[in-house]
C-alpha cells in the first residue's frame, strides 16, 4: 500500500507527502501537528480510546478527524454471498480477526473522548460497476481473502469464483449501490 501510494503521488506530482509505516497507537508529537487526520476503514483495527487520546495531542485546535467507512445502510451486493461461499470452501470459515475492536461502531469511542465527542455523520451515495477481475481485486485486498492465503490454489479459486459469479449474472458485470459514511469529529478547543 505504501509503494502504491508513493507511485500515485509521484504520478500526480505530489511530492509533499511523507509515507510511513507505524501503528496508530504509537502516534506522538514527534510527527508534528496536523489540521486534519483522515482514517479510511481502519479505525476498527485500533485501540480506539488510546488512539483518540494520542491524536488529541497532534491535532491542532480547530482541526479534527474524518473517519471514512462503508455507510450503515449499505446493501448487500449480488456477488458477495457467492464469493463468501467460494472463499470459505478454499480457506475454511474465517474467524473475526483478534485485533478488531469488539465495539462494531466507532461512535461509542468518540463519545467517550474528551476531545472528539461532538461529531456529525454524512453519507454519500455512489454506484460502482465491478467485473470479475475487479471483484477478485476487492477480495484479494481484504485481510480474510488475501491472495497469499490461497497458496498454489489461487488459479483454481479464481476459476471457481468466476463460474459462481457467471451463474448469478452471465455478463459478469455487477452494479452496486454504495454509501460511504464520513464521521467528522472536530477537536474540542480548550481541553
Protein backbone atom coordinates (compact mmCIF):
# COMPACT_ATOMS: atom_id res chain seq x y z
CA UNK A 1 0.00 0.00 0.00
CA UNK A 2 2.84 2.38 0.78
CA UNK A 3 4.53 1.68 -2.55
CA UNK A 4 1.24 2.20 -4.40
CA UNK A 5 0.63 5.44 -2.52
CA UNK A 6 4.11 6.69 -3.38
CA UNK A 7 3.65 5.78 -7.04
CA UNK A 8 0.27 7.53 -7.26
CA UNK A 9 1.65 10.62 -5.53
CA UNK A 10 4.61 10.80 -7.93
CA UNK A 11 2.34 10.28 -10.95
CA UNK A 12 0.16 13.17 -9.75
CA UNK A 13 3.06 15.48 -8.94
CA UNK A 14 2.53 15.35 -5.19
CA UNK A 15 5.98 15.42 -3.63
CA UNK A 16 4.97 16.83 -0.25
CA UNK A 17 3.72 13.57 1.28
CA UNK A 18 5.77 11.66 3.83
CA UNK A 19 4.92 7.95 3.75
CA UNK A 20 5.43 5.91 6.92
CA UNK A 21 4.55 2.57 8.35
CA UNK A 22 3.59 2.78 12.01
CA UNK A 23 0.92 1.68 14.43
CA UNK A 24 -1.70 4.34 15.16
CA UNK A 25 -1.22 3.64 18.86
CA UNK A 26 2.39 4.86 18.50
CA UNK A 27 1.49 8.30 17.11
CA UNK A 28 3.28 11.03 19.03
CA UNK A 29 4.07 14.71 18.92
CA UNK A 30 7.37 13.76 17.22
CA UNK A 31 5.37 13.71 13.97
CA UNK A 32 4.39 17.36 14.33
CA UNK A 33 0.89 18.77 14.33
CA UNK A 34 -1.93 18.27 11.86
CA UNK A 35 -5.05 20.16 10.88
CA UNK A 36 -6.95 17.02 9.87
CA UNK A 37 -6.37 13.31 10.37
CA UNK A 38 -8.27 11.04 7.99
CA UNK A 39 -8.71 7.29 8.52
CA UNK A 40 -10.18 5.13 5.78
CA UNK A 41 -11.82 1.92 7.00
CA UNK A 42 -9.11 1.41 9.62
CA UNK A 43 -10.33 2.70 12.99
CA UNK A 44 -11.92 -0.68 13.81
CA UNK A 45 -8.40 -2.22 13.92
CA UNK A 46 -7.17 0.20 16.57
CA UNK A 47 -7.28 0.58 20.31
CA UNK A 48 -9.68 3.42 19.70
CA UNK A 49 -9.63 5.18 23.08
CA UNK A 50 -5.83 5.22 23.14
CA UNK A 51 -5.59 6.44 19.54
CA UNK A 52 -8.07 9.25 20.19
CA UNK A 53 -6.05 10.32 23.21
CA UNK A 54 -2.82 10.34 21.17
CA UNK A 55 -4.48 12.18 18.29
CA UNK A 56 -5.71 14.87 20.65
CA UNK A 57 -2.04 15.77 21.19
CA UNK A 58 -1.23 16.23 17.49
CA UNK A 59 -4.47 17.57 16.01
CA UNK A 60 -4.40 21.36 16.09
CA UNK A 61 -7.11 23.36 17.83
CA UNK A 62 -9.74 23.98 15.18
CA UNK A 63 -8.75 20.76 13.40
CA UNK A 64 -10.32 17.35 13.62
CA UNK A 65 -10.77 13.78 12.49
CA UNK A 66 -12.52 12.28 9.48
CA UNK A 67 -13.39 8.58 9.72
CA UNK A 68 -14.38 7.13 6.33
CA UNK A 69 -16.39 3.89 6.34
CA UNK A 70 -19.00 1.97 4.39
CA UNK A 71 -22.41 3.52 5.06
CA UNK A 72 -24.72 1.93 7.59
CA UNK A 73 -27.45 1.24 5.02
CA UNK A 74 -25.07 -0.36 2.54
CA UNK A 75 -26.99 -3.03 0.65
CA UNK A 76 -25.56 -6.47 0.06
CA UNK A 77 -24.03 -6.67 -3.36
CA UNK A 78 -25.22 -9.53 -5.56
CA UNK A 79 -21.77 -11.10 -5.72
CA UNK A 80 -20.78 -11.03 -2.04
CA UNK A 81 -22.66 -14.12 -0.82
CA UNK A 82 -21.40 -16.29 -3.69
CA UNK A 83 -17.84 -15.02 -3.22
CA UNK A 84 -18.06 -15.71 0.51
CA UNK A 85 -19.11 -19.30 -0.14
CA UNK A 86 -16.22 -19.90 -2.55
CA UNK A 87 -13.71 -18.28 -0.20
CA UNK A 88 -15.00 -20.45 2.68
CA UNK A 89 -14.66 -23.57 0.53
CA UNK A 90 -10.98 -22.82 -0.09
CA UNK A 91 -9.96 -21.23 3.22
CA UNK A 92 -12.48 -22.55 5.71
CA UNK A 93 -14.69 -20.43 7.92
CA UNK A 94 -12.80 -17.30 8.88
CA UNK A 95 -12.94 -16.16 12.47
CA UNK A 96 -13.16 -12.50 13.27
CA UNK A 97 -9.65 -11.06 13.44
CA UNK A 98 -8.49 -10.79 17.05
CA UNK A 99 -7.33 -7.17 16.63
CA UNK A 100 -10.75 -5.92 15.52
CA UNK A 101 -12.44 -3.85 18.19
CA UNK A 102 -15.27 -5.65 19.98
CA UNK A 103 -17.40 -2.50 19.52
CA UNK A 104 -18.74 -2.70 15.97
CA UNK A 105 -19.44 1.05 15.74
CA UNK A 106 -17.00 3.95 16.09
CA UNK A 107 -19.41 6.31 17.80
CA UNK A 108 -19.07 4.96 21.39
CA UNK A 109 -15.33 5.65 21.48
CA UNK A 110 -15.85 9.12 20.00
CA UNK A 111 -18.49 9.88 22.65
CA UNK A 112 -16.06 8.79 25.40
CA UNK A 113 -13.33 11.06 24.03
CA UNK A 114 -12.69 14.33 25.82
CA UNK A 115 -11.63 15.90 22.51
CA UNK A 116 -13.68 14.39 19.67
CA UNK A 117 -17.11 13.74 21.20
CA UNK A 118 -19.06 16.32 19.15
CA UNK A 119 -19.17 14.65 15.74
CA UNK A 120 -21.50 14.54 12.80
CA UNK A 121 -22.14 11.86 10.21
CA UNK A 122 -22.52 12.39 6.47
CA UNK A 123 -23.38 9.72 3.94
CA UNK A 124 -22.52 9.90 0.26
CA UNK A 125 -24.27 7.52 -2.15
CA UNK A 126 -22.48 6.25 -5.22
CA UNK A 127 -22.61 3.48 -7.78
CA UNK A 128 -19.74 1.26 -8.76
CA UNK A 129 -19.58 -1.26 -11.57
CA UNK A 130 -17.49 -4.34 -10.90
CA UNK A 131 -16.46 -7.06 -13.27
CA UNK A 132 -14.90 -10.37 -12.25
CA UNK A 133 -11.28 -9.08 -12.22
CA UNK A 134 -12.27 -6.14 -10.01
CA UNK A 135 -14.16 -8.47 -7.65
CA UNK A 136 -11.03 -10.61 -7.40
CA UNK A 137 -9.00 -7.49 -6.67
CA UNK A 138 -11.51 -6.48 -4.00
CA UNK A 139 -11.32 -9.90 -2.34
CA UNK A 140 -7.53 -10.15 -2.59
CA UNK A 141 -7.17 -6.74 -0.94
CA UNK A 142 -9.07 -7.90 2.16
CA UNK A 143 -7.41 -9.49 5.16
CA UNK A 144 -9.72 -12.51 5.09
CA UNK A 145 -9.05 -13.48 1.46
CA UNK A 146 -5.62 -12.06 0.65
CA UNK A 147 -4.11 -13.87 -2.33
CA UNK A 148 -1.20 -15.44 -0.40
CA UNK A 149 -3.73 -17.32 1.76
CA UNK A 150 -4.73 -19.39 -1.30
CA UNK A 151 -1.18 -20.54 -1.98
CA UNK A 152 -0.93 -22.72 -5.06
CA UNK A 153 -4.75 -22.95 -5.29
CA UNK A 154 -5.29 -19.31 -6.31
CA UNK A 155 -5.86 -20.19 -10.01
CA UNK A 156 -8.39 -22.87 -9.00
CA UNK A 157 -10.10 -20.39 -6.65
CA UNK A 158 -10.29 -17.76 -9.39
CA UNK A 159 -11.82 -20.22 -11.85
CA UNK A 160 -14.43 -21.44 -9.36
CA UNK A 161 -15.29 -17.91 -8.29
CA UNK A 162 -15.68 -16.85 -11.94
CA UNK A 163 -18.06 -19.76 -12.57
CA UNK A 164 -20.14 -18.91 -9.48
CA UNK A 165 -20.37 -15.24 -10.45
CA UNK A 166 -21.33 -16.02 -14.05
CA UNK A 167 -24.15 -18.24 -12.76
CA UNK A 168 -25.56 -15.20 -10.92
CA UNK A 169 -25.03 -12.79 -13.79
CA UNK A 170 -23.91 -14.20 -17.16
CA UNK A 171 -22.46 -10.82 -18.17
CA UNK A 172 -20.06 -10.94 -15.20
CA UNK A 173 -20.83 -7.28 -14.51
CA UNK A 174 -22.34 -6.18 -11.20
CA UNK A 175 -23.63 -2.71 -10.40
CA UNK A 176 -23.56 -1.82 -6.73
CA UNK A 177 -25.32 0.98 -4.93
CA UNK A 178 -22.92 2.01 -2.18
CA UNK A 179 -22.90 4.54 0.58
CA UNK A 180 -19.80 5.99 2.12
CA UNK A 181 -20.12 7.38 5.62
CA UNK A 182 -17.79 10.07 6.93
CA UNK A 183 -17.77 10.77 10.66
CA UNK A 184 -16.49 14.33 11.09
CA UNK A 185 -15.14 14.98 14.59
CA UNK A 186 -13.77 18.47 15.21
CA UNK A 187 -11.37 18.75 18.10
CA UNK A 188 -12.91 20.44 21.14
CA UNK A 189 -10.90 23.55 21.94
CA UNK A 190 -9.76 24.43 25.43
CA UNK A 191 -9.42 20.96 26.87
